[in-house]
Amino acid sequence: MPHVIVKLYPGRSEDQKMRLAEAITQNVMEIAQSEEKSVSVAFEEVEPADWPEKVYRPDILENEARLYKKPGYNPFEGGDPRSLREAYQQRLSAQYEEWKPEIDRLKAKAEKAAADAKVEYSKLIEDLQARQKTARAKMEELRQASGGAWEEVKMGIEGAWKEMEKALKAAVSKFK
């Protein structure tokens, strides 16, 4: 049951994707001796600014032992590290901005809740706002970090982001 996921930059036409999927399917059938009905092919488009953190680091750097074809580039070496840093900061900023309306929706639900639920919801919202404030401070710390300290600060911010996203998902599920 081979399933192939192709990650690439946006911009390929549907025809190009269909032709690539067909070529991959034919090769899998021939080389892996699979039946066509057992082969599936998916495409995941990833913006260039997101590629280093969403694809290169997790799928390539952290999984080198599983790679059968390694790329001939490394977005973390050479090039302009400021552009990678700026792209990373922009992605974090966009995620941060997405939290605001979500928290506002939770506040609106909390205000409509019964008195006993309102207290619990208020505590959840206060926790989210505190985590959001911490995330904002980490973003500022990242913005001001020097070249060498940037990677270290980045690791810390990723932890804060994961905690915030986890807390937000938990709060949203409680409000349902």
Protein backbone atom coordinates (compact mmCIF):
# COMPACT_ATOMS: atom_id res chain seq x y z
CA MET A 1 0.00 0.00 0.00
CA PRO A 2 2.50 2.66 -1.04
CA HIS A 3 1.41 6.23 -0.36
CA VAL A 4 3.66 8.93 -1.77
CA ILE A 5 3.54 12.52 -0.53
CA VAL A 6 5.17 15.12 -2.76
CA LYS A 7 5.99 18.42 -1.06
CA LEU A 8 6.68 21.31 -3.38
CA TYR A 9 6.33 25.04 -3.85
CA PRO A 10 2.92 26.24 -5.05
CA GLY A 11 2.48 27.07 -8.71
CA ARG A 12 2.20 23.74 -10.52
CA SER A 13 -0.89 23.32 -12.66
CA GLU A 14 -3.40 20.53 -12.06
CA ASP A 15 -2.23 18.98 -15.32
CA GLN A 16 1.38 18.94 -14.10
CA LYS A 17 0.31 17.35 -10.80
CA MET A 18 -1.78 14.73 -12.59
CA ARG A 19 1.11 13.86 -14.94
CA LEU A 20 3.57 13.65 -12.03
CA ALA A 21 1.15 11.50 -10.01
CA GLU A 22 0.73 9.17 -12.99
CA ALA A 23 4.50 8.90 -13.50
CA ILE A 24 5.06 8.19 -9.79
CA THR A 25 2.26 5.59 -9.84
CA GLN A 26 3.75 3.84 -12.87
CA ASN A 27 7.21 3.74 -11.28
CA VAL A 28 5.87 2.45 -7.96
CA MET A 29 3.90 -0.26 -9.77
CA GLU A 30 6.93 -1.32 -11.80
CA ILE A 31 9.70 -1.06 -9.21
CA ALA A 32 7.83 -1.95 -6.00
CA GLN A 33 5.65 -4.48 -7.82
CA SER A 34 2.45 -2.93 -6.51
CA GLU A 35 -0.98 -2.95 -8.06
CA GLU A 36 -2.32 0.38 -9.27
CA LYS A 37 -5.26 0.17 -6.85
CA SER A 38 -2.84 0.10 -3.90
CA VAL A 39 -0.88 3.22 -4.89
CA SER A 40 -1.87 6.73 -3.81
CA VAL A 41 -0.13 10.04 -4.43
CA ALA A 42 -0.73 13.33 -2.59
CA PHE A 43 0.67 16.81 -3.07
CA GLU A 44 1.40 19.24 -0.27
CA GLU A 45 2.18 22.77 -1.36
CA VAL A 46 4.52 24.67 0.96
CA GLU A 47 5.33 28.36 0.61
CA PRO A 48 9.04 29.08 0.01
CA ALA A 49 9.29 31.08 3.26
CA ASP A 50 7.96 28.08 5.20
CA TRP A 51 10.07 25.44 3.43
CA PRO A 52 13.10 25.47 5.80
CA GLU A 53 11.02 24.90 8.95
CA LYS A 54 8.09 22.88 7.59
CA VAL A 55 9.98 20.59 5.22
CA TYR A 56 13.76 20.85 5.28
CA ARG A 57 14.31 20.61 9.05
CA PRO A 58 11.72 17.92 9.94
CA ASP A 59 11.76 15.81 6.77
CA ILE A 60 15.38 16.13 5.66
CA LEU A 61 17.72 17.21 8.47
CA GLU A 62 15.97 15.20 11.18
CA ASN A 63 15.40 12.13 8.98
CA GLU A 64 18.63 11.77 7.00
CA ALA A 65 18.81 8.05 7.76
CA ARG A 66 15.52 7.50 5.89
CA LEU A 67 16.43 9.57 2.83
CA TYR A 68 17.28 7.72 -0.35
CA LYS A 69 17.81 10.89 -2.37
CA LYS A 70 19.34 13.81 -0.52
CA PRO A 71 18.99 17.36 -1.87
CA GLY A 72 21.99 19.32 -3.04
CA TYR A 73 21.09 22.42 -1.03
CA ASN A 74 20.72 23.50 2.58
CA PRO A 75 18.63 26.60 3.25
CA PHE A 76 20.42 27.04 6.58
CA GLU A 77 23.84 27.32 4.96
CA GLY A 78 24.94 30.05 2.62
CA GLY A 79 22.39 32.38 1.17
CA ASP A 80 21.15 35.26 3.25
CA PRO A 81 20.37 34.09 6.79
CA ARG A 82 18.50 37.34 7.40
CA SER A 83 15.90 36.39 4.80
CA LEU A 84 15.34 33.02 6.50
CA ARG A 85 15.10 34.76 9.85
CA GLU A 86 12.67 37.35 8.50
CA ALA A 87 10.51 34.65 6.89
CA TYR A 88 10.45 32.74 10.18
CA GLN A 89 9.49 35.87 12.11
CA GLN A 90 6.73 36.67 9.61
CA ARG A 91 5.31 33.17 9.97
CA LEU A 92 5.32 33.47 13.77
CA SER A 93 3.71 36.88 13.59
CA ALA A 94 0.95 35.56 11.32
CA GLN A 95 0.27 32.66 13.72
CA TYR A 96 0.21 35.08 16.65
CA GLU A 97 -2.35 37.25 14.86
CA GLU A 98 -4.55 34.18 14.23
CA TRP A 99 -4.81 33.61 17.99
CA LYS A 100 -6.40 37.00 18.71
CA PRO A 101 -9.78 36.41 17.03
CA GLU A 102 -9.89 32.87 18.41
CA ILE A 103 -9.46 34.16 21.97
CA ASP A 104 -12.03 36.89 21.30
CA ARG A 105 -14.54 34.22 20.19
CA LEU A 106 -13.87 32.30 23.40
CA LYS A 107 -14.44 35.47 25.44
CA ALA A 108 -17.78 36.01 23.72
CA LYS A 109 -18.82 32.42 24.49
CA ALA A 110 -17.70 32.81 28.10
CA GLU A 111 -19.86 35.90 28.56
CA LYS A 112 -22.92 33.96 27.39
CA ALA A 113 -22.21 30.98 29.66
CA ALA A 114 -23.90 30.20 32.95
CA ALA A 115 -22.30 31.71 36.07
CA ASP A 116 -20.43 28.57 37.19
CA ALA A 117 -19.09 27.88 33.68
CA LYS A 118 -18.21 31.56 33.29
CA VAL A 119 -15.66 31.30 36.13
CA GLU A 120 -13.99 28.25 34.56
CA TYR A 121 -13.95 29.86 31.12
CA SER A 122 -12.51 33.08 32.53
CA LYS A 123 -9.62 31.11 34.05
CA LEU A 124 -8.96 29.41 30.71
CA ILE A 125 -8.98 32.75 28.91
CA GLU A 126 -6.64 34.32 31.48
CA ASP A 127 -4.25 31.39 30.98
CA LEU A 128 -4.43 31.82 27.19
CA GLN A 129 -3.79 35.55 27.47
CA ALA A 130 -0.79 34.93 29.74
CA ARG A 131 0.60 32.41 27.25
CA GLN A 132 -0.06 34.86 24.43
CA LYS A 133 1.85 37.55 26.33
CA THR A 134 4.75 35.12 26.84
CA ALA A 135 4.73 34.29 23.13
CA ARG A 136 4.79 37.99 22.27
CA ALA A 137 7.78 38.51 24.59
CA LYS A 138 9.57 35.57 22.95
CA MET A 139 8.90 37.09 19.52
CA GLU A 140 10.49 40.34 20.67
CA GLU A 141 13.43 38.42 22.15
CA LEU A 142 13.84 36.64 18.81
CA ARG A 143 13.70 39.93 16.91
CA GLN A 144 16.49 41.37 19.04
CA ALA A 145 18.69 38.26 19.19
CA SER A 146 22.12 38.42 17.59
CA GLY A 147 23.10 35.95 14.89
CA GLY A 148 24.62 33.37 17.20
CA ALA A 149 21.90 33.56 19.85
CA TRP A 150 19.11 33.46 17.28
CA GLU A 151 19.02 29.64 16.95
CA GLU A 152 18.91 29.23 20.73
CA VAL A 153 16.09 31.76 21.14
CA LYS A 154 14.27 30.12 18.23
CA MET A 155 14.24 26.78 20.06
CA GLY A 156 12.69 28.46 23.10
CA ILE A 157 10.04 30.19 21.06
CA GLU A 158 9.01 26.95 19.38
CA GLY A 159 8.27 25.48 22.81
CA ALA A 160 6.18 28.52 23.77
CA TRP A 161 4.30 28.29 20.47
CA LYS A 162 3.50 24.61 20.90
CA GLU A 163 2.26 25.22 24.45
CA MET A 164 0.06 28.09 23.27
CA GLU A 165 -1.41 26.06 20.42
CA LYS A 166 -2.03 23.11 22.75
CA ALA A 167 -3.73 25.34 25.34
CA LEU A 168 -5.84 27.06 22.68
CA LYS A 169 -7.03 23.73 21.26
CA ALA A 170 -7.88 22.50 24.74
CA ALA A 171 -9.84 25.68 25.50
CA VAL A 172 -11.72 25.54 22.21
CA SER A 173 -12.72 21.92 22.90
CA LYS A 174 -13.95 22.85 26.40
CA PHE A 175 -16.10 25.64 24.99
CA LYS A 176 -17.94 23.31 22.60
